[in-house]
Amino acid sequence: MPKESDLSPAGTKSWQVTPEETVLRLELRGRLEDAILALPKHYRLVLILRDMEQLDTREVAEVMGISEETTKKRLQRARVFVRNALAGYGRHLSERKSKSHA
């Protein structure tokens, strides 16, 4: 029987998820949820309808009763807010990884 190392190309990751990765994913999910919930309602709704419910810009505009241009602006602002809210967390993870590999 071939060994596991023979089945996967060198340098690729095993299919198994480590407990640390599971915890980090749950932590990231919680922070993402917090960032979305912290958005003002009109930004949060556009983000959810567009990025999570997969409605197109025209559909989001119709549902919310706003123009497509306003929809695009709100979506951009919502994404920037969430990105900024998660930026500090990303730096924290990078620092944690570099310390654990040192």
PDB file of N, CA and C in Angstrom:
ATOM      1  N   MET A   1       0.844  -1.187   0.000  1.00  0.00           N
ATOM      2  CA  MET A   1       0.000   0.000   0.000  1.00  0.00           C
ATOM      3  C   MET A   1       0.888   1.249   0.000  1.00  0.00           C
ATOM      4  N   PRO A   2       0.524   2.249  -0.803  1.00  0.00           N
ATOM      5  CA  PRO A   2       1.311   3.488  -0.794  1.00  0.00           C
ATOM      6  C   PRO A   2       1.128   4.234   0.528  1.00  0.00           C
ATOM      7  N   LYS A   3       2.184   4.890   0.913  1.00  0.00           N
ATOM      8  CA  LYS A   3       2.121   5.723   2.116  1.00  0.00           C
ATOM      9  C   LYS A   3       1.390   7.014   1.785  1.00  0.00           C
ATOM     10  N   GLU A   4       0.866   7.678   2.814  1.00  0.00           N
ATOM     11  CA  GLU A   4       0.151   8.941   2.613  1.00  0.00           C
ATOM     12  C   GLU A   4       1.035   9.958   1.911  1.00  0.00           C
ATOM     13  N   SER A   5       2.317   9.979   2.250  1.00  0.00           N
ATOM     14  CA  SER A   5       3.240  10.932   1.626  1.00  0.00           C
ATOM     15  C   SER A   5       3.401  10.663   0.128  1.00  0.00           C
ATOM     16  N   ASP A   6       3.175   9.421  -0.299  1.00  0.00           N
ATOM     17  CA  ASP A   6       3.264   9.086  -1.716  1.00  0.00           C
ATOM     18  C   ASP A   6       2.040   9.573  -2.497  1.00  0.00           C
ATOM     19  N   LEU A   7       0.912   9.756  -1.818  1.00  0.00           N
ATOM     20  CA  LEU A   7      -0.335  10.118  -2.474  1.00  0.00           C
ATOM     21  C   LEU A   7      -0.487  11.609  -2.722  1.00  0.00           C
ATOM     22  N   SER A   8       0.155  12.415  -1.907  1.00  0.00           N
ATOM     23  CA  SER A   8       0.007  13.859  -2.081  1.00  0.00           C
ATOM     24  C   SER A   8       1.338  14.454  -2.519  1.00  0.00           C
ATOM     25  N   PRO A   9       1.290  15.395  -3.472  1.00  0.00           N
ATOM     26  CA  PRO A   9       2.525  16.031  -3.925  1.00  0.00           C
ATOM     27  C   PRO A   9       3.240  16.738  -2.778  1.00  0.00           C
ATOM     28  N   ALA A  10       4.545  16.799  -2.873  1.00  0.00           N
ATOM     29  CA  ALA A  10       5.343  17.453  -1.829  1.00  0.00           C
ATOM     30  C   ALA A  10       4.898  18.894  -1.644  1.00  0.00           C
ATOM     31  N   GLY A  11       4.775  19.309  -0.411  1.00  0.00           N
ATOM     32  CA  GLY A  11       4.424  20.688  -0.101  1.00  0.00           C
ATOM     33  C   GLY A  11       2.935  20.966  -0.042  1.00  0.00           C
ATOM     34  N   THR A  12       2.096  19.996  -0.412  1.00  0.00           N
ATOM     35  CA  THR A  12       0.660  20.241  -0.299  1.00  0.00           C
ATOM     36  C   THR A  12       0.196  19.873   1.095  1.00  0.00           C
ATOM     37  N   LYS A  13      -0.892  20.468   1.471  1.00  0.00           N
ATOM     38  CA  LYS A  13      -1.416  20.298   2.809  1.00  0.00           C
ATOM     39  C   LYS A  13      -2.328  19.079   2.878  1.00  0.00           C
ATOM     40  N   SER A  14      -2.291  18.406   3.988  1.00  0.00           N
ATOM     41  CA  SER A  14      -3.168  17.271   4.213  1.00  0.00           C
ATOM     42  C   SER A  14      -4.624  17.745   4.238  1.00  0.00           C
ATOM     43  N   TRP A  15      -5.546  16.863   3.964  1.00  0.00           N
ATOM     44  CA  TRP A  15      -6.967  17.189   3.968  1.00  0.00           C
ATOM     45  C   TRP A  15      -7.480  17.419   5.378  1.00  0.00           C
ATOM     46  N   GLN A  16      -6.733  16.981   6.349  1.00  0.00           N
ATOM     47  CA  GLN A  16      -7.169  17.115   7.735  1.00  0.00           C
ATOM     48  C   GLN A  16      -7.026  18.557   8.211  1.00  0.00           C
ATOM     49  N   VAL A  17      -8.004  18.995   8.975  1.00  0.00           N
ATOM     50  CA  VAL A  17      -7.981  20.331   9.563  1.00  0.00           C
ATOM     51  C   VAL A  17      -7.539  20.186  11.012  1.00  0.00           C
ATOM     52  N   THR A  18      -6.564  20.977  11.398  1.00  0.00           N
ATOM     53  CA  THR A  18      -6.058  20.885  12.766  1.00  0.00           C
ATOM     54  C   THR A  18      -7.021  21.568  13.728  1.00  0.00           C
ATOM     55  N   PRO A  19      -6.966  21.216  14.987  1.00  0.00           N
ATOM     56  CA  PRO A  19      -7.809  21.889  15.972  1.00  0.00           C
ATOM     57  C   PRO A  19      -7.564  23.405  16.013  1.00  0.00           C
ATOM     58  N   GLU A  20      -6.297  23.794  15.831  1.00  0.00           N
ATOM     59  CA  GLU A  20      -5.975  25.223  15.816  1.00  0.00           C
ATOM     60  C   GLU A  20      -6.685  25.925  14.659  1.00  0.00           C
ATOM     61  N   GLU A  21      -6.682  25.305  13.478  1.00  0.00           N
ATOM     62  CA  GLU A  21      -7.367  25.895  12.328  1.00  0.00           C
ATOM     63  C   GLU A  21      -8.869  26.008  12.572  1.00  0.00           C
ATOM     64  N   THR A  22      -9.442  25.015  13.216  1.00  0.00           N
ATOM     65  CA  THR A  22     -10.870  25.052  13.531  1.00  0.00           C
ATOM     66  C   THR A  22     -11.188  26.218  14.457  1.00  0.00           C
ATOM     67  N   VAL A  23     -10.380  26.394  15.473  1.00  0.00           N
ATOM     68  CA  VAL A  23     -10.581  27.496  16.419  1.00  0.00           C
ATOM     69  C   VAL A  23     -10.419  28.840  15.714  1.00  0.00           C
ATOM     70  N   LEU A  24      -9.394  28.954  14.871  1.00  0.00           N
ATOM     71  CA  LEU A  24      -9.160  30.209  14.157  1.00  0.00           C
ATOM     72  C   LEU A  24     -10.311  30.537  13.213  1.00  0.00           C
ATOM     73  N   ARG A  25     -10.847  29.534  12.543  1.00  0.00           N
ATOM     74  CA  ARG A  25     -11.988  29.764  11.646  1.00  0.00           C
ATOM     75  C   ARG A  25     -13.216  30.235  12.422  1.00  0.00           C
ATOM     76  N   LEU A  26     -13.464  29.612  13.561  1.00  0.00           N
ATOM     77  CA  LEU A  26     -14.601  30.017  14.393  1.00  0.00           C
ATOM     78  C   LEU A  26     -14.413  31.434  14.917  1.00  0.00           C
ATOM     79  N   GLU A  27     -13.194  31.749  15.306  1.00  0.00           N
ATOM     80  CA  GLU A  27     -12.887  33.091  15.796  1.00  0.00           C
ATOM     81  C   GLU A  27     -13.086  34.125  14.690  1.00  0.00           C
ATOM     82  N   LEU A  28     -12.585  33.820  13.493  1.00  0.00           N
ATOM     83  CA  LEU A  28     -12.754  34.731  12.363  1.00  0.00           C
ATOM     84  C   LEU A  28     -14.228  34.907  12.029  1.00  0.00           C
ATOM     85  N   ARG A  29     -14.973  33.822  12.042  1.00  0.00           N
ATOM     86  CA  ARG A  29     -16.409  33.904  11.752  1.00  0.00           C
ATOM     87  C   ARG A  29     -17.106  34.819  12.764  1.00  0.00           C
ATOM     88  N   GLY A  30     -16.765  34.685  14.025  1.00  0.00           N
ATOM     89  CA  GLY A  30     -17.354  35.539  15.053  1.00  0.00           C
ATOM     90  C   GLY A  30     -17.015  37.002  14.839  1.00  0.00           C
ATOM     91  N   ARG A  31     -15.770  37.268  14.482  1.00  0.00           N
ATOM     92  CA  ARG A  31     -15.367  38.654  14.233  1.00  0.00           C
ATOM     93  C   ARG A  31     -16.050  39.222  12.991  1.00  0.00           C
ATOM     94  N   LEU A  32     -16.210  38.378  11.977  1.00  0.00           N
ATOM     95  CA  LEU A  32     -16.902  38.813  10.765  1.00  0.00           C
ATOM     96  C   LEU A  32     -18.362  39.123  11.069  1.00  0.00           C
ATOM     97  N   GLU A  33     -19.007  38.270  11.820  1.00  0.00           N
ATOM     98  CA  GLU A  33     -20.402  38.516  12.220  1.00  0.00           C
ATOM     99  C   GLU A  33     -20.514  39.805  13.025  1.00  0.00           C
ATOM    100  N   ASP A  34     -19.594  40.006  13.949  1.00  0.00           N
ATOM    101  CA  ASP A  34     -19.606  41.236  14.761  1.00  0.00           C
ATOM    102  C   ASP A  34     -19.446  42.474  13.885  1.00  0.00           C
ATOM    103  N   ALA A  35     -18.536  42.397  12.910  1.00  0.00           N
ATOM    104  CA  ALA A  35     -18.307  43.536  12.015  1.00  0.00           C
ATOM    105  C   ALA A  35     -19.549  43.834  11.189  1.00  0.00           C
ATOM    106  N   ILE A  36     -20.200  42.797  10.704  1.00  0.00           N
ATOM    107  CA  ILE A  36     -21.418  42.999   9.905  1.00  0.00           C
ATOM    108  C   ILE A  36     -22.536  43.564  10.773  1.00  0.00           C
ATOM    109  N   LEU A  37     -22.685  43.045  11.974  1.00  0.00           N
ATOM    110  CA  LEU A  37     -23.736  43.537  12.861  1.00  0.00           C
ATOM    111  C   LEU A  37     -23.481  44.973  13.318  1.00  0.00           C
ATOM    112  N   ALA A  38     -22.227  45.399  13.301  1.00  0.00           N
ATOM    113  CA  ALA A  38     -21.894  46.770  13.709  1.00  0.00           C
ATOM    114  C   ALA A  38     -22.194  47.787  12.610  1.00  0.00           C
ATOM    115  N   LEU A  39     -22.435  47.314  11.393  1.00  0.00           N
ATOM    116  CA  LEU A  39     -22.755  48.229  10.295  1.00  0.00           C
ATOM    117  C   LEU A  39     -24.097  48.917  10.541  1.00  0.00           C
ATOM    118  N   PRO A  40     -24.212  50.171  10.119  1.00  0.00           N
ATOM    119  CA  PRO A  40     -25.542  50.789  10.129  1.00  0.00           C
ATOM    120  C   PRO A  40     -26.483  49.941   9.262  1.00  0.00           C
ATOM    121  N   LYS A  41     -27.742  49.902   9.624  1.00  0.00           N
ATOM    122  CA  LYS A  41     -28.710  49.005   8.989  1.00  0.00           C
ATOM    123  C   LYS A  41     -28.719  49.114   7.462  1.00  0.00           C
ATOM    124  N   HIS A  42     -28.699  50.342   6.919  1.00  0.00           N
ATOM    125  CA  HIS A  42     -28.785  50.492   5.469  1.00  0.00           C
ATOM    126  C   HIS A  42     -27.557  49.933   4.749  1.00  0.00           C
ATOM    127  N   TYR A  43     -26.396  49.909   5.399  1.00  0.00           N
ATOM    128  CA  TYR A  43     -25.207  49.285   4.817  1.00  0.00           C
ATOM    129  C   TYR A  43     -25.272  47.760   4.991  1.00  0.00           C
ATOM    130  N   ARG A  44     -25.677  47.334   6.173  1.00  0.00           N
ATOM    131  CA  ARG A  44     -25.753  45.903   6.474  1.00  0.00           C
ATOM    132  C   ARG A  44     -26.710  45.181   5.517  1.00  0.00           C
ATOM    133  N   LEU A  45     -27.866  45.782   5.261  1.00  0.00           N
ATOM    134  CA  LEU A  45     -28.839  45.147   4.377  1.00  0.00           C
ATOM    135  C   LEU A  45     -28.310  45.000   2.953  1.00  0.00           C
ATOM    136  N   VAL A  46     -27.668  46.033   2.445  1.00  0.00           N
ATOM    137  CA  VAL A  46     -27.098  45.961   1.096  1.00  0.00           C
ATOM    138  C   VAL A  46     -26.033  44.859   1.042  1.00  0.00           C
ATOM    139  N   LEU A  47     -25.163  44.812   2.021  1.00  0.00           N
ATOM    140  CA  LEU A  47     -24.100  43.806   2.054  1.00  0.00           C
ATOM    141  C   LEU A  47     -24.686  42.394   2.098  1.00  0.00           C
ATOM    142  N   ILE A  48     -25.659  42.179   2.938  1.00  0.00           N
ATOM    143  CA  ILE A  48     -26.263  40.854   3.074  1.00  0.00           C
ATOM    144  C   ILE A  48     -26.981  40.450   1.790  1.00  0.00           C
ATOM    145  N   LEU A  49     -27.780  41.357   1.247  1.00  0.00           N
ATOM    146  CA  LEU A  49     -28.520  41.027   0.026  1.00  0.00           C
ATOM    147  C   LEU A  49     -27.584  40.750  -1.145  1.00  0.00           C
ATOM    148  N   ARG A  50     -26.537  41.539  -1.270  1.00  0.00           N
ATOM    149  CA  ARG A  50     -25.630  41.412  -2.427  1.00  0.00           C
ATOM    150  C   ARG A  50     -24.645  40.266  -2.263  1.00  0.00           C
ATOM    151  N   ASP A  51     -23.933  40.225  -1.140  1.00  0.00           N
ATOM    152  CA  ASP A  51     -22.839  39.272  -0.974  1.00  0.00           C
ATOM    153  C   ASP A  51     -23.259  37.929  -0.388  1.00  0.00           C
ATOM    154  N   MET A  52     -24.307  37.909   0.396  1.00  0.00           N
ATOM    155  CA  MET A  52     -24.720  36.647   1.007  1.00  0.00           C
ATOM    156  C   MET A  52     -25.908  36.019   0.285  1.00  0.00           C
ATOM    157  N   GLU A  53     -26.865  36.837  -0.081  1.00  0.00           N
ATOM    158  CA  GLU A  53     -28.047  36.335  -0.787  1.00  0.00           C
ATOM    159  C   GLU A  53     -27.838  36.285  -2.297  1.00  0.00           C
ATOM    160  N   GLN A  54     -26.728  36.850  -2.771  1.00  0.00           N
ATOM    161  CA  GLN A  54     -26.332  36.794  -4.180  1.00  0.00           C
ATOM    162  C   GLN A  54     -27.318  37.484  -5.132  1.00  0.00           C
ATOM    163  N   LEU A  55     -28.013  38.524  -4.647  1.00  0.00           N
ATOM    164  CA  LEU A  55     -28.845  39.321  -5.542  1.00  0.00           C
ATOM    165  C   LEU A  55     -27.933  40.228  -6.349  1.00  0.00           C
ATOM    166  N   ASP A  56     -28.331  40.558  -7.567  1.00  0.00           N
ATOM    167  CA  ASP A  56     -27.511  41.498  -8.324  1.00  0.00           C
ATOM    168  C   ASP A  56     -27.846  42.926  -7.889  1.00  0.00           C
ATOM    169  N   THR A  57     -27.060  43.862  -8.361  1.00  0.00           N
ATOM    170  CA  THR A  57     -27.193  45.252  -7.917  1.00  0.00           C
ATOM    171  C   THR A  57     -28.594  45.799  -8.184  1.00  0.00           C
ATOM    172  N   ARG A  58     -29.140  45.497  -9.351  1.00  0.00           N
ATOM    173  CA  ARG A  58     -30.482  45.976  -9.702  1.00  0.00           C
ATOM    174  C   ARG A  58     -31.525  45.423  -8.734  1.00  0.00           C
ATOM    175  N   GLU A  59     -31.404  44.140  -8.405  1.00  0.00           N
ATOM    176  CA  GLU A  59     -32.365  43.509  -7.491  1.00  0.00           C
ATOM    177  C   GLU A  59     -32.271  44.115  -6.088  1.00  0.00           C
ATOM    178  N   VAL A  60     -31.068  44.348  -5.622  1.00  0.00           N
ATOM    179  CA  VAL A  60     -30.883  44.964  -4.300  1.00  0.00           C
ATOM    180  C   VAL A  60     -31.509  46.353  -4.289  1.00  0.00           C
ATOM    181  N   ALA A  61     -31.271  47.120  -5.343  1.00  0.00           N
ATOM    182  CA  ALA A  61     -31.831  48.467  -5.445  1.00  0.00           C
ATOM    183  C   ALA A  61     -33.354  48.418  -5.394  1.00  0.00           C
ATOM    184  N   GLU A  62     -33.952  47.474  -6.112  1.00  0.00           N
ATOM    185  CA  GLU A  62     -35.411  47.344  -6.115  1.00  0.00           C
ATOM    186  C   GLU A  62     -35.941  46.973  -4.739  1.00  0.00           C
ATOM    187  N   VAL A  63     -35.317  45.997  -4.105  1.00  0.00           N
ATOM    188  CA  VAL A  63     -35.758  45.545  -2.781  1.00  0.00           C
ATOM    189  C   VAL A  63     -35.697  46.690  -1.767  1.00  0.00           C
ATOM    190  N   MET A  64     -34.636  47.488  -1.853  1.00  0.00           N
ATOM    191  CA  MET A  64     -34.442  48.554  -0.874  1.00  0.00           C
ATOM    192  C   MET A  64     -35.098  49.872  -1.286  1.00  0.00           C
ATOM    193  N   GLY A  65     -35.550  49.953  -2.520  1.00  0.00           N
ATOM    194  CA  GLY A  65     -36.179  51.183  -2.978  1.00  0.00           C
ATOM    195  C   GLY A  65     -35.203  52.329  -3.145  1.00  0.00           C
ATOM    196  N   ILE A  66     -33.995  52.006  -3.602  1.00  0.00           N
ATOM    197  CA  ILE A  66     -32.944  53.012  -3.820  1.00  0.00           C
ATOM    198  C   ILE A  66     -32.398  52.842  -5.234  1.00  0.00           C
ATOM    199  N   SER A  67     -31.597  53.787  -5.683  1.00  0.00           N
ATOM    200  CA  SER A  67     -31.004  53.691  -7.019  1.00  0.00           C
ATOM    201  C   SER A  67     -29.868  52.670  -7.025  1.00  0.00           C
ATOM    202  N   GLU A  68     -29.520  52.223  -8.227  1.00  0.00           N
ATOM    203  CA  GLU A  68     -28.383  51.299  -8.351  1.00  0.00           C
ATOM    204  C   GLU A  68     -27.090  51.985  -7.926  1.00  0.00           C
ATOM    205  N   GLU A  69     -26.959  53.260  -8.229  1.00  0.00           N
ATOM    206  CA  GLU A  69     -25.756  54.005  -7.831  1.00  0.00           C
ATOM    207  C   GLU A  69     -25.629  54.053  -6.309  1.00  0.00           C
ATOM    208  N   THR A  70     -26.736  54.324  -5.631  1.00  0.00           N
ATOM    209  CA  THR A  70     -26.715  54.350  -4.163  1.00  0.00           C
ATOM    210  C   THR A  70     -26.397  52.966  -3.619  1.00  0.00           C
ATOM    211  N   THR A  71     -26.924  51.942  -4.249  1.00  0.00           N
ATOM    212  CA  THR A  71     -26.641  50.568  -3.841  1.00  0.00           C
ATOM    213  C   THR A  71     -25.145  50.294  -3.925  1.00  0.00           C
ATOM    214  N   LYS A  72     -24.537  50.680  -5.031  1.00  0.00           N
ATOM    215  CA  LYS A  72     -23.095  50.457  -5.218  1.00  0.00           C
ATOM    216  C   LYS A  72     -22.272  51.199  -4.175  1.00  0.00           C
ATOM    217  N   LYS A  73     -22.651  52.436  -3.896  1.00  0.00           N
ATOM    218  CA  LYS A  73     -21.911  53.224  -2.898  1.00  0.00           C
ATOM    219  C   LYS A  73     -22.028  52.599  -1.517  1.00  0.00           C
ATOM    220  N   ARG A  74     -23.245  52.189  -1.151  1.00  0.00           N
ATOM    221  CA  ARG A  74     -23.442  51.578   0.169  1.00  0.00           C
ATOM    222  C   ARG A  74     -22.686  50.264   0.281  1.00  0.00           C
ATOM    223  N   LEU A  75     -22.692  49.480  -0.779  1.00  0.00           N
ATOM    224  CA  LEU A  75     -21.985  48.207  -0.760  1.00  0.00           C
ATOM    225  C   LEU A  75     -20.487  48.438  -0.595  1.00  0.00           C
ATOM    226  N   GLN A  76     -19.949  49.384  -1.323  1.00  0.00           N
ATOM    227  CA  GLN A  76     -18.525  49.714  -1.208  1.00  0.00           C
ATOM    228  C   GLN A  76     -18.174  50.148   0.211  1.00  0.00           C
ATOM    229  N   ARG A  77     -18.983  51.025   0.769  1.00  0.00           N
ATOM    230  CA  ARG A  77     -18.714  51.506   2.138  1.00  0.00           C
ATOM    231  C   ARG A  77     -18.830  50.374   3.159  1.00  0.00           C
ATOM    232  N   ALA A  78     -19.805  49.498   2.974  1.00  0.00           N
ATOM    233  CA  ALA A  78     -19.968  48.369   3.889  1.00  0.00           C
ATOM    234  C   ALA A  78     -18.757  47.440   3.823  1.00  0.00           C
ATOM    235  N   ARG A  79     -18.305  47.150   2.615  1.00  0.00           N
ATOM    236  CA  ARG A  79     -17.137  46.271   2.465  1.00  0.00           C
ATOM    237  C   ARG A  79     -15.885  46.888   3.067  1.00  0.00           C
ATOM    238  N   VAL A  80     -15.706  48.176   2.886  1.00  0.00           N
ATOM    239  CA  VAL A  80     -14.539  48.856   3.466  1.00  0.00           C
ATOM    240  C   VAL A  80     -14.609  48.792   4.990  1.00  0.00           C
ATOM    241  N   PHE A  81     -15.775  49.042   5.545  1.00  0.00           N
ATOM    242  CA  PHE A  81     -15.939  48.992   6.994  1.00  0.00           C
ATOM    243  C   PHE A  81     -15.575  47.603   7.529  1.00  0.00           C
ATOM    244  N   VAL A  82     -16.107  46.558   6.883  1.00  0.00           N
ATOM    245  CA  VAL A  82     -15.839  45.190   7.338  1.00  0.00           C
ATOM    246  C   VAL A  82     -14.358  44.859   7.165  1.00  0.00           C
ATOM    247  N   ARG A  83     -13.785  45.247   6.036  1.00  0.00           N
ATOM    248  CA  ARG A  83     -12.354  45.005   5.795  1.00  0.00           C
ATOM    249  C   ARG A  83     -11.511  45.680   6.873  1.00  0.00           C
ATOM    250  N   ASN A  84     -11.830  46.913   7.201  1.00  0.00           N
ATOM    251  CA  ASN A  84     -11.079  47.626   8.230  1.00  0.00           C
ATOM    252  C   ASN A  84     -11.266  46.987   9.600  1.00  0.00           C
ATOM    253  N   ALA A  85     -12.472  46.523   9.874  1.00  0.00           N
ATOM    254  CA  ALA A  85     -12.735  45.880  11.162  1.00  0.00           C
ATOM    255  C   ALA A  85     -11.934  44.585  11.308  1.00  0.00           C
ATOM    256  N   LEU A  86     -11.700  43.904  10.195  1.00  0.00           N
ATOM    257  CA  LEU A  86     -10.962  42.639  10.240  1.00  0.00           C
ATOM    258  C   LEU A  86      -9.455  42.815  10.052  1.00  0.00           C
ATOM    259  N   ALA A  87      -9.020  43.991   9.637  1.00  0.00           N
ATOM    260  CA  ALA A  87      -7.599  44.223   9.359  1.00  0.00           C
ATOM    261  C   ALA A  87      -6.744  43.997  10.596  1.00  0.00           C
ATOM    262  N   GLY A  88      -7.160  44.501  11.718  1.00  0.00           N
ATOM    263  CA  GLY A  88      -6.403  44.315  12.947  1.00  0.00           C
ATOM    264  C   GLY A  88      -6.308  42.850  13.343  1.00  0.00           C
ATOM    265  N   TYR A  89      -7.371  42.126  13.086  1.00  0.00           N
ATOM    266  CA  TYR A  89      -7.380  40.694  13.385  1.00  0.00           C
ATOM    267  C   TYR A  89      -6.387  39.953  12.488  1.00  0.00           C
ATOM    268  N   GLY A  90      -6.339  40.329  11.222  1.00  0.00           N
ATOM    269  CA  GLY A  90      -5.394  39.712  10.293  1.00  0.00           C
ATOM    270  C   GLY A  90      -3.954  39.936  10.708  1.00  0.00           C
ATOM    271  N   ARG A  91      -3.642  41.162  11.151  1.00  0.00           N
ATOM    272  CA  ARG A  91      -2.279  41.449  11.624  1.00  0.00           C
ATOM    273  C   ARG A  91      -1.968  40.621  12.865  1.00  0.00           C
ATOM    274  N   HIS A  92      -2.958  40.481  13.735  1.00  0.00           N
ATOM    275  CA  HIS A  92      -2.791  39.694  14.959  1.00  0.00           C
ATOM    276  C   HIS A  92      -2.470  38.239  14.610  1.00  0.00           C
ATOM    277  N   LEU A  93      -3.165  37.675  13.621  1.00  0.00           N
ATOM    278  CA  LEU A  93      -2.913  36.297  13.200  1.00  0.00           C
ATOM    279  C   LEU A  93      -1.516  36.142  12.620  1.00  0.00           C
ATOM    280  N   SER A  94      -1.104  37.099  11.799  1.00  0.00           N
ATOM    281  CA  SER A  94       0.227  37.035  11.198  1.00  0.00           C
ATOM    282  C   SER A  94       1.309  37.056  12.271  1.00  0.00           C
ATOM    283  N   GLU A  95       1.123  37.893  13.263  1.00  0.00           N
ATOM    284  CA  GLU A  95       2.091  37.962  14.357  1.00  0.00           C
ATOM    285  C   GLU A  95       2.112  36.656  15.141  1.00  0.00           C
ATOM    286  N   ARG A  96       0.922  36.096  15.377  1.00  0.00           N
ATOM    287  CA  ARG A  96       0.827  34.847  16.125  1.00  0.00           C
ATOM    288  C   ARG A  96       1.533  33.718  15.373  1.00  0.00           C
ATOM    289  N   LYS A  97       1.322  33.640  14.051  1.00  0.00           N
ATOM    290  CA  LYS A  97       1.960  32.596  13.236  1.00  0.00           C
ATOM    291  C   LYS A  97       3.472  32.744  13.233  1.00  0.00           C
ATOM    292  N   SER A  98       3.952  33.992  13.089  1.00  0.00           N
ATOM    293  CA  SER A  98       5.407  34.184  13.026  1.00  0.00           C
ATOM    294  C   SER A  98       6.063  33.839  14.357  1.00  0.00           C
ATOM    295  N   LYS A  99       5.370  34.085  15.458  1.00  0.00           N
ATOM    296  CA  LYS A  99       5.931  33.738  16.765  1.00  0.00           C
ATOM    297  C   LYS A  99       5.943  32.226  16.975  1.00  0.00           C
ATOM    298  N   SER A 100       4.911  31.540  16.479  1.00  0.00           N
ATOM    299  CA  SER A 100       4.852  30.083  16.683  1.00  0.00           C
ATOM    300  C   SER A 100       5.848  29.354  15.797  1.00  0.00           C
ATOM    301  N   HIS A 101       6.255  29.965  14.665  1.00  0.00           N
ATOM    302  CA  HIS A 101       7.218  29.323  13.772  1.00  0.00           C
ATOM    303  C   HIS A 101       8.659  29.680  14.126  1.00  0.00           C
ATOM    304  N   ALA A 102       8.827  30.616  15.041  1.00  0.00           N
ATOM    305  CA  ALA A 102      10.170  31.057  15.408  1.00  0.00           C
ATOM    306  C   ALA A 102      10.840  30.136  16.398  1.00  0.00           C
TER     307      ALA A 102
END
